[in-house]
All heavy atoms as atom14 arrays in JSON, in Angstrom:
{
  "sequence": "PNTQAIKAKVEDLTDQISDAIQQGNELSMLNLVKRLSDLRKSGLQTKG",
  "atom14_mask": [
    [1, 1, 1, 1, 1, 1, 1, 0, 0, 0, 0, 0, 0, 0],
    [1, 1, 1, 1, 1, 1, 1, 1, 0, 0, 0, 0, 0, 0],
    [1, 1, 1, 1, 1, 1, 1, 0, 0, 0, 0, 0, 0, 0],
    [1, 1, 1, 1, 1, 1, 1, 1, 1, 0, 0, 0, 0, 0],
    [1, 1, 1, 1, 1, 0, 0, 0, 0, 0, 0, 0, 0, 0],
    [1, 1, 1, 1, 1, 1, 1, 1, 0, 0, 0, 0, 0, 0],
    [1, 1, 1, 1, 1, 1, 1, 1, 1, 0, 0, 0, 0, 0],
    [1, 1, 1, 1, 1, 0, 0, 0, 0, 0, 0, 0, 0, 0],
    [1, 1, 1, 1, 1, 1, 1, 1, 1, 0, 0, 0, 0, 0],
    [1, 1, 1, 1, 1, 1, 1, 0, 0, 0, 0, 0, 0, 0],
    [1, 1, 1, 1, 1, 1, 1, 1, 1, 0, 0, 0, 0, 0],
    [1, 1, 1, 1, 1, 1, 1, 1, 0, 0, 0, 0, 0, 0],
    [1, 1, 1, 1, 1, 1, 1, 1, 0, 0, 0, 0, 0, 0],
    [1, 1, 1, 1, 1, 1, 1, 0, 0, 0, 0, 0, 0, 0],
    [1, 1, 1, 1, 1, 1, 1, 1, 0, 0, 0, 0, 0, 0],
    [1, 1, 1, 1, 1, 1, 1, 1, 1, 0, 0, 0, 0, 0],
    [1, 1, 1, 1, 1, 1, 1, 1, 0, 0, 0, 0, 0, 0],
    [1, 1, 1, 1, 1, 1, 0, 0, 0, 0, 0, 0, 0, 0],
    [1, 1, 1, 1, 1, 1, 1, 1, 0, 0, 0, 0, 0, 0],
    [1, 1, 1, 1, 1, 0, 0, 0, 0, 0, 0, 0, 0, 0],
    [1, 1, 1, 1, 1, 1, 1, 1, 0, 0, 0, 0, 0, 0],
    [1, 1, 1, 1, 1, 1, 1, 1, 1, 0, 0, 0, 0, 0],
    [1, 1, 1, 1, 1, 1, 1, 1, 1, 0, 0, 0, 0, 0],
    [1, 1, 1, 1, 0, 0, 0, 0, 0, 0, 0, 0, 0, 0],
    [1, 1, 1, 1, 1, 1, 1, 1, 0, 0, 0, 0, 0, 0],
    [1, 1, 1, 1, 1, 1, 1, 1, 1, 0, 0, 0, 0, 0],
    [1, 1, 1, 1, 1, 1, 1, 1, 0, 0, 0, 0, 0, 0],
    [1, 1, 1, 1, 1, 1, 0, 0, 0, 0, 0, 0, 0, 0],
    [1, 1, 1, 1, 1, 1, 1, 1, 0, 0, 0, 0, 0, 0],
    [1, 1, 1, 1, 1, 1, 1, 1, 0, 0, 0, 0, 0, 0],
    [1, 1, 1, 1, 1, 1, 1, 1, 0, 0, 0, 0, 0, 0],
    [1, 1, 1, 1, 1, 1, 1, 1, 0, 0, 0, 0, 0, 0],
    [1, 1, 1, 1, 1, 1, 1, 0, 0, 0, 0, 0, 0, 0],
    [1, 1, 1, 1, 1, 1, 1, 1, 1, 0, 0, 0, 0, 0],
    [1, 1, 1, 1, 1, 1, 1, 1, 1, 1, 1, 0, 0, 0],
    [1, 1, 1, 1, 1, 1, 1, 1, 0, 0, 0, 0, 0, 0],
    [1, 1, 1, 1, 1, 1, 0, 0, 0, 0, 0, 0, 0, 0],
    [1, 1, 1, 1, 1, 1, 1, 1, 0, 0, 0, 0, 0, 0],
    [1, 1, 1, 1, 1, 1, 1, 1, 0, 0, 0, 0, 0, 0],
    [1, 1, 1, 1, 1, 1, 1, 1, 1, 1, 1, 0, 0, 0],
    [1, 1, 1, 1, 1, 1, 1, 1, 1, 0, 0, 0, 0, 0],
    [1, 1, 1, 1, 1, 1, 0, 0, 0, 0, 0, 0, 0, 0],
    [1, 1, 1, 1, 0, 0, 0, 0, 0, 0, 0, 0, 0, 0],
    [1, 1, 1, 1, 1, 1, 1, 1, 0, 0, 0, 0, 0, 0],
    [1, 1, 1, 1, 1, 1, 1, 1, 1, 0, 0, 0, 0, 0],
    [1, 1, 1, 1, 1, 1, 1, 0, 0, 0, 0, 0, 0, 0],
    [1, 1, 1, 1, 1, 1, 1, 1, 1, 0, 0, 0, 0, 0],
    [1, 1, 1, 1, 0, 0, 0, 0, 0, 0, 0, 0, 0, 0]
  ],
  "atom14_positions": [
    [[174.46, 123.59, 120.47], [173.22, 123.53, 119.68], [172.32, 122.43, 120.12], [172.82, 121.35, 120.51], [173.73, 123.38, 118.27], [175.1, 122.82, 118.39], [175.68, 123.35, 119.67], [0.0, 0.0, 0.0], [0.0, 0.0, 0.0], [0.0, 0.0, 0.0], [0.0, 0.0, 0.0], [0.0, 0.0, 0.0], [0.0, 0.0, 0.0], [0.0, 0.0, 0.0]],
    [[171.02, 122.63, 119.96], [170.05, 121.59, 120.35], [169.97, 120.65, 119.16], [169.1, 120.8, 118.25], [168.68, 122.24, 120.67], [167.68, 121.24, 121.14], [167.77, 120.02, 120.87], [166.67, 121.74, 121.86], [0.0, 0.0, 0.0], [0.0, 0.0, 0.0], [0.0, 0.0, 0.0], [0.0, 0.0, 0.0], [0.0, 0.0, 0.0], [0.0, 0.0, 0.0]],
    [[170.81, 119.64, 119.11], [170.93, 118.76, 117.97], [169.62, 117.97, 117.69], [169.28, 117.69, 116.54], [172.1, 117.78, 118.08], [172.0, 117.1, 119.35], [173.41, 118.56, 118.04], [0.0, 0.0, 0.0], [0.0, 0.0, 0.0], [0.0, 0.0, 0.0], [0.0, 0.0, 0.0], [0.0, 0.0, 0.0], [0.0, 0.0, 0.0], [0.0, 0.0, 0.0]],
    [[168.97, 117.56, 118.78], [167.74, 116.82, 118.61], [166.66, 117.68, 117.93], [165.96, 117.21, 117.02], [167.2, 116.33, 120.0], [168.05, 115.16, 120.55], [167.42, 114.59, 121.84], [166.7, 115.31, 122.56], [167.6, 113.33, 122.04], [0.0, 0.0, 0.0], [0.0, 0.0, 0.0], [0.0, 0.0, 0.0], [0.0, 0.0, 0.0], [0.0, 0.0, 0.0]],
    [[166.55, 118.91, 118.38], [165.54, 119.78, 117.74], [165.9, 120.11, 116.33], [165.01, 120.15, 115.44], [165.44, 121.15, 118.54], [0.0, 0.0, 0.0], [0.0, 0.0, 0.0], [0.0, 0.0, 0.0], [0.0, 0.0, 0.0], [0.0, 0.0, 0.0], [0.0, 0.0, 0.0], [0.0, 0.0, 0.0], [0.0, 0.0, 0.0], [0.0, 0.0, 0.0]],
    [[167.19, 120.26, 116.03], [167.63, 120.54, 114.64], [167.32, 119.32, 113.75], [166.75, 119.49, 112.66], [169.13, 120.85, 114.62], [169.38, 122.16, 115.32], [169.67, 120.89, 113.16], [170.9, 122.48, 115.61], [0.0, 0.0, 0.0], [0.0, 0.0, 0.0], [0.0, 0.0, 0.0], [0.0, 0.0, 0.0], [0.0, 0.0, 0.0], [0.0, 0.0, 0.0]],
    [[167.66, 118.13, 114.24], [167.43, 116.9, 113.44], [165.94, 116.67, 113.17], [165.54, 116.41, 112.03], [167.94, 115.71, 114.19], [167.86, 114.39, 113.4], [168.55, 113.24, 114.11], [168.47, 111.96, 113.31], [169.12, 110.85, 113.96], [0.0, 0.0, 0.0], [0.0, 0.0, 0.0], [0.0, 0.0, 0.0], [0.0, 0.0, 0.0], [0.0, 0.0, 0.0]],
    [[165.11, 116.94, 114.12], [163.68, 116.77, 113.98], [163.08, 117.73, 112.98], [162.3, 117.34, 112.13], [162.96, 116.88, 115.34], [0.0, 0.0, 0.0], [0.0, 0.0, 0.0], [0.0, 0.0, 0.0], [0.0, 0.0, 0.0], [0.0, 0.0, 0.0], [0.0, 0.0, 0.0], [0.0, 0.0, 0.0], [0.0, 0.0, 0.0], [0.0, 0.0, 0.0]],
    [[163.55, 118.95, 113.04], [163.07, 120.02, 112.12], [163.58, 119.73, 110.76], [162.84, 119.95, 109.73], [163.55, 121.4, 112.6], [162.78, 122.56, 111.98], [161.32, 122.62, 112.48], [160.66, 123.84, 111.87], [159.21, 123.84, 112.2], [0.0, 0.0, 0.0], [0.0, 0.0, 0.0], [0.0, 0.0, 0.0], [0.0, 0.0, 0.0], [0.0, 0.0, 0.0]],
    [[164.81, 119.34, 110.62], [165.36, 119.0, 109.29], [164.59, 117.86, 108.61], [164.2, 117.94, 107.43], [166.86, 118.63, 109.37], [167.33, 117.96, 108.11], [167.68, 119.91, 109.66], [0.0, 0.0, 0.0], [0.0, 0.0, 0.0], [0.0, 0.0, 0.0], [0.0, 0.0, 0.0], [0.0, 0.0, 0.0], [0.0, 0.0, 0.0], [0.0, 0.0, 0.0]],
    [[164.3, 116.8, 109.4], [163.53, 115.66, 108.89], [162.14, 116.09, 108.45], [161.64, 115.65, 107.38], [163.52, 114.57, 109.89], [164.85, 113.9, 110.12], [164.79, 112.8, 111.22], [163.75, 112.71, 111.89], [165.79, 112.05, 111.33], [0.0, 0.0, 0.0], [0.0, 0.0, 0.0], [0.0, 0.0, 0.0], [0.0, 0.0, 0.0], [0.0, 0.0, 0.0]],
    [[161.45, 116.89, 109.24], [160.1, 117.33, 108.97], [160.09, 118.19, 107.66], [159.26, 117.91, 106.78], [159.56, 118.18, 110.12], [158.19, 118.77, 109.81], [157.3, 117.97, 109.4], [157.96, 119.97, 110.02], [0.0, 0.0, 0.0], [0.0, 0.0, 0.0], [0.0, 0.0, 0.0], [0.0, 0.0, 0.0], [0.0, 0.0, 0.0], [0.0, 0.0, 0.0]],
    [[160.98, 119.12, 107.55], [160.99, 119.98, 106.37], [161.42, 119.19, 105.11], [160.97, 119.45, 104.05], [161.94, 121.18, 106.62], [161.37, 122.28, 107.5], [162.46, 123.2, 107.98], [160.23, 123.02, 106.81], [0.0, 0.0, 0.0], [0.0, 0.0, 0.0], [0.0, 0.0, 0.0], [0.0, 0.0, 0.0], [0.0, 0.0, 0.0], [0.0, 0.0, 0.0]],
    [[162.37, 118.28, 105.28], [162.79, 117.43, 104.2], [161.63, 116.63, 103.63], [161.43, 116.53, 102.41], [163.95, 116.44, 104.59], [165.03, 117.24, 105.07], [164.37, 115.6, 103.44], [0.0, 0.0, 0.0], [0.0, 0.0, 0.0], [0.0, 0.0, 0.0], [0.0, 0.0, 0.0], [0.0, 0.0, 0.0], [0.0, 0.0, 0.0], [0.0, 0.0, 0.0]],
    [[160.83, 116.09, 104.5], [159.62, 115.32, 104.1], [158.62, 116.21, 103.39], [158.09, 115.84, 102.3], [158.94, 114.69, 105.29], [159.74, 113.53, 105.89], [160.6, 112.98, 105.16], [159.46, 113.14, 107.03], [0.0, 0.0, 0.0], [0.0, 0.0, 0.0], [0.0, 0.0, 0.0], [0.0, 0.0, 0.0], [0.0, 0.0, 0.0], [0.0, 0.0, 0.0]],
    [[158.41, 117.44, 103.85], [157.51, 118.36, 103.19], [157.97, 118.76, 101.81], [157.21, 118.85, 100.87], [157.34, 119.59, 104.08], [156.6, 119.39, 105.38], [156.31, 120.67, 106.14], [155.81, 121.63, 105.56], [156.66, 120.68, 107.42], [0.0, 0.0, 0.0], [0.0, 0.0, 0.0], [0.0, 0.0, 0.0], [0.0, 0.0, 0.0], [0.0, 0.0, 0.0]],
    [[159.26, 119.02, 101.75], [159.85, 119.39, 100.49], [159.76, 118.28, 99.45], [159.39, 118.43, 98.3], [161.33, 119.84, 100.64], [161.37, 121.22, 101.41], [162.07, 119.94, 99.33], [162.76, 121.59, 101.91], [0.0, 0.0, 0.0], [0.0, 0.0, 0.0], [0.0, 0.0, 0.0], [0.0, 0.0, 0.0], [0.0, 0.0, 0.0], [0.0, 0.0, 0.0]],
    [[160.14, 117.05, 99.91], [160.04, 115.88, 98.99], [158.62, 115.63, 98.52], [158.41, 115.36, 97.31], [160.58, 114.62, 99.73], [161.88, 114.77, 100.05], [0.0, 0.0, 0.0], [0.0, 0.0, 0.0], [0.0, 0.0, 0.0], [0.0, 0.0, 0.0], [0.0, 0.0, 0.0], [0.0, 0.0, 0.0], [0.0, 0.0, 0.0], [0.0, 0.0, 0.0]],
    [[157.62, 115.75, 99.41], [156.22, 115.61, 99.0], [155.83, 116.63, 97.97], [155.16, 116.29, 96.99], [155.33, 115.68, 100.23], [155.46, 114.44, 101.15], [156.02, 113.45, 100.7], [155.03, 114.56, 102.31], [0.0, 0.0, 0.0], [0.0, 0.0, 0.0], [0.0, 0.0, 0.0], [0.0, 0.0, 0.0], [0.0, 0.0, 0.0], [0.0, 0.0, 0.0]],
    [[156.22, 117.91, 98.21], [155.78, 118.96, 97.33], [156.42, 118.76, 95.94], [155.76, 118.97, 94.93], [156.21, 120.32, 97.89], [0.0, 0.0, 0.0], [0.0, 0.0, 0.0], [0.0, 0.0, 0.0], [0.0, 0.0, 0.0], [0.0, 0.0, 0.0], [0.0, 0.0, 0.0], [0.0, 0.0, 0.0], [0.0, 0.0, 0.0], [0.0, 0.0, 0.0]],
    [[157.7, 118.34, 95.93], [158.35, 118.07, 94.61], [157.73, 116.9, 93.91], [157.47, 116.95, 92.69], [159.85, 117.85, 94.84], [160.54, 119.14, 95.38], [160.55, 117.36, 93.56], [161.99, 118.93, 95.76], [0.0, 0.0, 0.0], [0.0, 0.0, 0.0], [0.0, 0.0, 0.0], [0.0, 0.0, 0.0], [0.0, 0.0, 0.0], [0.0, 0.0, 0.0]],
    [[157.45, 115.83, 94.65], [156.87, 114.63, 94.0], [155.51, 114.95, 93.44], [155.16, 114.38, 92.37], [156.79, 113.52, 95.07], [156.34, 112.16, 94.54], [156.39, 111.1, 95.58], [156.65, 111.33, 96.71], [156.15, 109.89, 95.12], [0.0, 0.0, 0.0], [0.0, 0.0, 0.0], [0.0, 0.0, 0.0], [0.0, 0.0, 0.0], [0.0, 0.0, 0.0]],
    [[154.7, 115.8, 94.11], [153.38, 116.11, 93.66], [153.41, 117.2, 92.59], [152.41, 117.42, 91.99], [152.53, 116.61, 94.85], [152.27, 115.5, 95.89], [151.71, 116.04, 97.18], [151.31, 117.22, 97.22], [151.7, 115.25, 98.24], [0.0, 0.0, 0.0], [0.0, 0.0, 0.0], [0.0, 0.0, 0.0], [0.0, 0.0, 0.0], [0.0, 0.0, 0.0]],
    [[154.58, 117.81, 92.41], [154.63, 118.92, 91.46], [153.82, 120.11, 91.87], [153.36, 120.85, 90.95], [0.0, 0.0, 0.0], [0.0, 0.0, 0.0], [0.0, 0.0, 0.0], [0.0, 0.0, 0.0], [0.0, 0.0, 0.0], [0.0, 0.0, 0.0], [0.0, 0.0, 0.0], [0.0, 0.0, 0.0], [0.0, 0.0, 0.0], [0.0, 0.0, 0.0]],
    [[153.66, 120.28, 93.15], [152.83, 121.36, 93.66], [153.63, 122.63, 93.76], [154.37, 122.86, 94.76], [152.29, 120.97, 95.06], [151.18, 121.95, 95.53], [151.23, 123.14, 95.28], [150.24, 121.4, 96.27], [0.0, 0.0, 0.0], [0.0, 0.0, 0.0], [0.0, 0.0, 0.0], [0.0, 0.0, 0.0], [0.0, 0.0, 0.0], [0.0, 0.0, 0.0]],
    [[153.53, 123.49, 92.76], [154.41, 124.72, 92.7], [154.09, 125.68, 93.81], [154.97, 126.27, 94.37], [154.2, 125.4, 91.33], [155.15, 126.57, 91.12], [155.07, 127.13, 89.76], [154.44, 126.58, 88.89], [155.68, 128.26, 89.51], [0.0, 0.0, 0.0], [0.0, 0.0, 0.0], [0.0, 0.0, 0.0], [0.0, 0.0, 0.0], [0.0, 0.0, 0.0]],
    [[152.8, 125.8, 94.16], [152.41, 126.74, 95.21], [153.03, 126.28, 96.53], [153.57, 127.11, 97.29], [150.87, 126.83, 95.36], [150.36, 127.77, 96.48], [150.84, 129.17, 96.24], [148.83, 127.7, 96.51], [0.0, 0.0, 0.0], [0.0, 0.0, 0.0], [0.0, 0.0, 0.0], [0.0, 0.0, 0.0], [0.0, 0.0, 0.0], [0.0, 0.0, 0.0]],
    [[152.98, 125.0, 96.84], [153.57, 124.5, 98.05], [155.12, 124.71, 98.03], [155.63, 125.07, 99.09], [153.26, 123.0, 98.24], [151.93, 122.75, 98.47], [0.0, 0.0, 0.0], [0.0, 0.0, 0.0], [0.0, 0.0, 0.0], [0.0, 0.0, 0.0], [0.0, 0.0, 0.0], [0.0, 0.0, 0.0], [0.0, 0.0, 0.0], [0.0, 0.0, 0.0]],
    [[155.72, 124.5, 96.91], [157.13, 124.73, 96.83], [157.55, 126.17, 97.04], [158.49, 126.48, 97.76], [157.68, 124.18, 95.5], [157.71, 122.7, 95.35], [158.48, 122.1, 93.88], [157.17, 122.27, 92.68], [0.0, 0.0, 0.0], [0.0, 0.0, 0.0], [0.0, 0.0, 0.0], [0.0, 0.0, 0.0], [0.0, 0.0, 0.0], [0.0, 0.0, 0.0]],
    [[156.79, 127.08, 96.45], [157.01, 128.54, 96.64], [156.82, 128.92, 98.12], [157.61, 129.73, 98.67], [156.12, 129.35, 95.76], [156.47, 129.31, 94.27], [155.33, 129.97, 93.43], [157.77, 129.99, 93.98], [0.0, 0.0, 0.0], [0.0, 0.0, 0.0], [0.0, 0.0, 0.0], [0.0, 0.0, 0.0], [0.0, 0.0, 0.0], [0.0, 0.0, 0.0]],
    [[155.79, 128.34, 98.73], [155.55, 128.6, 100.17], [156.62, 128.05, 101.06], [157.01, 128.71, 102.04], [154.21, 127.98, 100.58], [152.99, 128.8, 100.07], [153.09, 129.97, 99.75], [151.87, 128.11, 99.92], [0.0, 0.0, 0.0], [0.0, 0.0, 0.0], [0.0, 0.0, 0.0], [0.0, 0.0, 0.0], [0.0, 0.0, 0.0], [0.0, 0.0, 0.0]],
    [[157.2, 126.93, 100.7], [158.29, 126.37, 101.44], [159.56, 127.21, 101.32], [160.31, 127.38, 102.26], [158.59, 124.95, 101.01], [157.6, 123.87, 101.56], [157.69, 122.61, 100.74], [157.96, 123.6, 103.02], [0.0, 0.0, 0.0], [0.0, 0.0, 0.0], [0.0, 0.0, 0.0], [0.0, 0.0, 0.0], [0.0, 0.0, 0.0], [0.0, 0.0, 0.0]],
    [[159.83, 127.75, 100.12], [160.98, 128.63, 99.92], [160.87, 129.85, 100.86], [161.79, 130.24, 101.53], [161.12, 129.1, 98.47], [162.14, 130.2, 98.33], [161.53, 127.91, 97.62], [0.0, 0.0, 0.0], [0.0, 0.0, 0.0], [0.0, 0.0, 0.0], [0.0, 0.0, 0.0], [0.0, 0.0, 0.0], [0.0, 0.0, 0.0], [0.0, 0.0, 0.0]],
    [[159.67, 130.48, 100.87], [159.45, 131.63, 101.74], [159.52, 131.26, 103.21], [160.1, 131.98, 104.0], [158.06, 132.28, 101.44], [157.8, 133.52, 102.23], [156.45, 134.11, 101.92], [156.33, 135.46, 102.63], [156.47, 135.37, 104.08], [0.0, 0.0, 0.0], [0.0, 0.0, 0.0], [0.0, 0.0, 0.0], [0.0, 0.0, 0.0], [0.0, 0.0, 0.0]],
    [[158.99, 130.08, 103.56], [158.98, 129.64, 104.93], [160.44, 129.44, 105.42], [160.79, 129.83, 106.52], [158.21, 128.35, 105.04], [158.09, 127.79, 106.49], [157.32, 126.58, 106.5], [157.44, 125.89, 107.81], [157.01, 124.6, 108.0], [156.44, 123.95, 107.06], [157.19, 124.09, 109.21], [0.0, 0.0, 0.0], [0.0, 0.0, 0.0], [0.0, 0.0, 0.0]],
    [[161.26, 128.83, 104.59], [162.68, 128.65, 104.92], [163.41, 129.96, 105.14], [164.21, 130.13, 106.06], [163.38, 127.82, 103.85], [163.0, 126.37, 103.79], [163.48, 125.71, 102.47], [163.56, 125.59, 104.95], [0.0, 0.0, 0.0], [0.0, 0.0, 0.0], [0.0, 0.0, 0.0], [0.0, 0.0, 0.0], [0.0, 0.0, 0.0], [0.0, 0.0, 0.0]],
    [[163.1, 130.91, 104.28], [163.75, 132.24, 104.37], [163.27, 132.93, 105.69], [164.07, 133.48, 106.45], [163.38, 133.09, 103.19], [163.86, 134.39, 103.34], [0.0, 0.0, 0.0], [0.0, 0.0, 0.0], [0.0, 0.0, 0.0], [0.0, 0.0, 0.0], [0.0, 0.0, 0.0], [0.0, 0.0, 0.0], [0.0, 0.0, 0.0], [0.0, 0.0, 0.0]],
    [[161.96, 132.87, 105.96], [161.45, 133.47, 107.17], [161.94, 132.78, 108.41], [162.19, 133.42, 109.46], [159.89, 133.43, 107.19], [159.27, 134.33, 106.09], [159.99, 135.2, 105.61], [158.12, 134.12, 105.82], [0.0, 0.0, 0.0], [0.0, 0.0, 0.0], [0.0, 0.0, 0.0], [0.0, 0.0, 0.0], [0.0, 0.0, 0.0], [0.0, 0.0, 0.0]],
    [[162.1, 131.5, 108.36], [162.6, 130.68, 109.45], [164.0, 131.15, 109.83], [164.3, 131.39, 110.97], [162.68, 129.2, 109.09], [163.07, 128.15, 110.11], [161.89, 127.96, 111.12], [163.42, 126.84, 109.51], [0.0, 0.0, 0.0], [0.0, 0.0, 0.0], [0.0, 0.0, 0.0], [0.0, 0.0, 0.0], [0.0, 0.0, 0.0], [0.0, 0.0, 0.0]],
    [[164.86, 131.27, 108.84], [166.23, 131.7, 109.04], [166.26, 133.11, 109.64], [166.98, 133.39, 110.56], [167.03, 131.62, 107.8], [168.52, 131.96, 108.04], [169.32, 131.95, 106.76], [170.74, 131.8, 107.06], [171.71, 131.93, 106.17], [171.44, 132.24, 104.92], [172.95, 131.76, 106.49], [0.0, 0.0, 0.0], [0.0, 0.0, 0.0], [0.0, 0.0, 0.0]],
    [[165.49, 134.02, 109.0], [165.48, 135.39, 109.47], [165.04, 135.52, 110.89], [165.61, 136.29, 111.7], [164.55, 136.25, 108.56], [164.6, 137.72, 108.82], [163.66, 138.47, 107.86], [164.16, 138.43, 106.46], [163.32, 139.24, 105.52], [0.0, 0.0, 0.0], [0.0, 0.0, 0.0], [0.0, 0.0, 0.0], [0.0, 0.0, 0.0], [0.0, 0.0, 0.0]],
    [[164.0, 134.76, 111.28], [163.46, 134.8, 112.62], [164.53, 134.32, 113.61], [164.68, 134.89, 114.7], [162.19, 133.87, 112.74], [161.78, 133.75, 114.06], [0.0, 0.0, 0.0], [0.0, 0.0, 0.0], [0.0, 0.0, 0.0], [0.0, 0.0, 0.0], [0.0, 0.0, 0.0], [0.0, 0.0, 0.0], [0.0, 0.0, 0.0], [0.0, 0.0, 0.0]],
    [[165.21, 133.21, 113.3], [166.25, 132.67, 114.16], [167.4, 133.6, 114.32], [167.88, 133.82, 115.51], [0.0, 0.0, 0.0], [0.0, 0.0, 0.0], [0.0, 0.0, 0.0], [0.0, 0.0, 0.0], [0.0, 0.0, 0.0], [0.0, 0.0, 0.0], [0.0, 0.0, 0.0], [0.0, 0.0, 0.0], [0.0, 0.0, 0.0], [0.0, 0.0, 0.0]],
    [[167.84, 134.27, 113.27], [168.9, 135.24, 113.4], [168.54, 136.43, 114.23], [169.34, 136.94, 115.02], [169.36, 135.7, 111.97], [170.08, 134.77, 111.1], [170.18, 135.22, 109.66], [171.47, 134.45, 111.68], [0.0, 0.0, 0.0], [0.0, 0.0, 0.0], [0.0, 0.0, 0.0], [0.0, 0.0, 0.0], [0.0, 0.0, 0.0], [0.0, 0.0, 0.0]],
    [[167.34, 136.91, 114.12], [166.9, 138.06, 114.86], [166.69, 137.82, 116.32], [166.88, 138.75, 117.13], [165.6, 138.61, 114.2], [165.81, 139.21, 112.88], [164.5, 139.7, 112.22], [163.44, 139.34, 112.65], [164.61, 140.54, 111.16], [0.0, 0.0, 0.0], [0.0, 0.0, 0.0], [0.0, 0.0, 0.0], [0.0, 0.0, 0.0], [0.0, 0.0, 0.0]],
    [[166.29, 136.59, 116.63], [165.98, 136.28, 118.08], [167.2, 135.71, 118.85], [167.47, 136.09, 119.95], [164.84, 135.29, 118.16], [165.09, 134.15, 117.42], [163.52, 135.95, 117.67], [0.0, 0.0, 0.0], [0.0, 0.0, 0.0], [0.0, 0.0, 0.0], [0.0, 0.0, 0.0], [0.0, 0.0, 0.0], [0.0, 0.0, 0.0], [0.0, 0.0, 0.0]],
    [[167.88, 134.73, 118.21], [168.97, 134.03, 118.94], [170.32, 133.96, 118.19], [171.24, 133.34, 118.64], [168.5, 132.59, 119.29], [167.37, 132.59, 120.25], [166.96, 131.13, 120.63], [165.82, 131.15, 121.62], [165.37, 129.76, 121.98], [0.0, 0.0, 0.0], [0.0, 0.0, 0.0], [0.0, 0.0, 0.0], [0.0, 0.0, 0.0], [0.0, 0.0, 0.0]],
    [[170.38, 134.62, 116.99], [171.64, 134.74, 116.34], [171.97, 133.51, 115.45], [171.14, 132.63, 115.19], [0.0, 0.0, 0.0], [0.0, 0.0, 0.0], [0.0, 0.0, 0.0], [0.0, 0.0, 0.0], [0.0, 0.0, 0.0], [0.0, 0.0, 0.0], [0.0, 0.0, 0.0], [0.0, 0.0, 0.0], [0.0, 0.0, 0.0], [0.0, 0.0, 0.0]]
  ]
}
């Protein structure tokens, strides 16, 4: 696994999630839930 790419993406998404929660931005949080689901589905379909 590309550990550097994984770590960078985890840190980026963690920051976005923390910001959305701190701001109480429900729309951003809902969009992030969908984005995470789509991210996983895309990865499974293309590279397993």
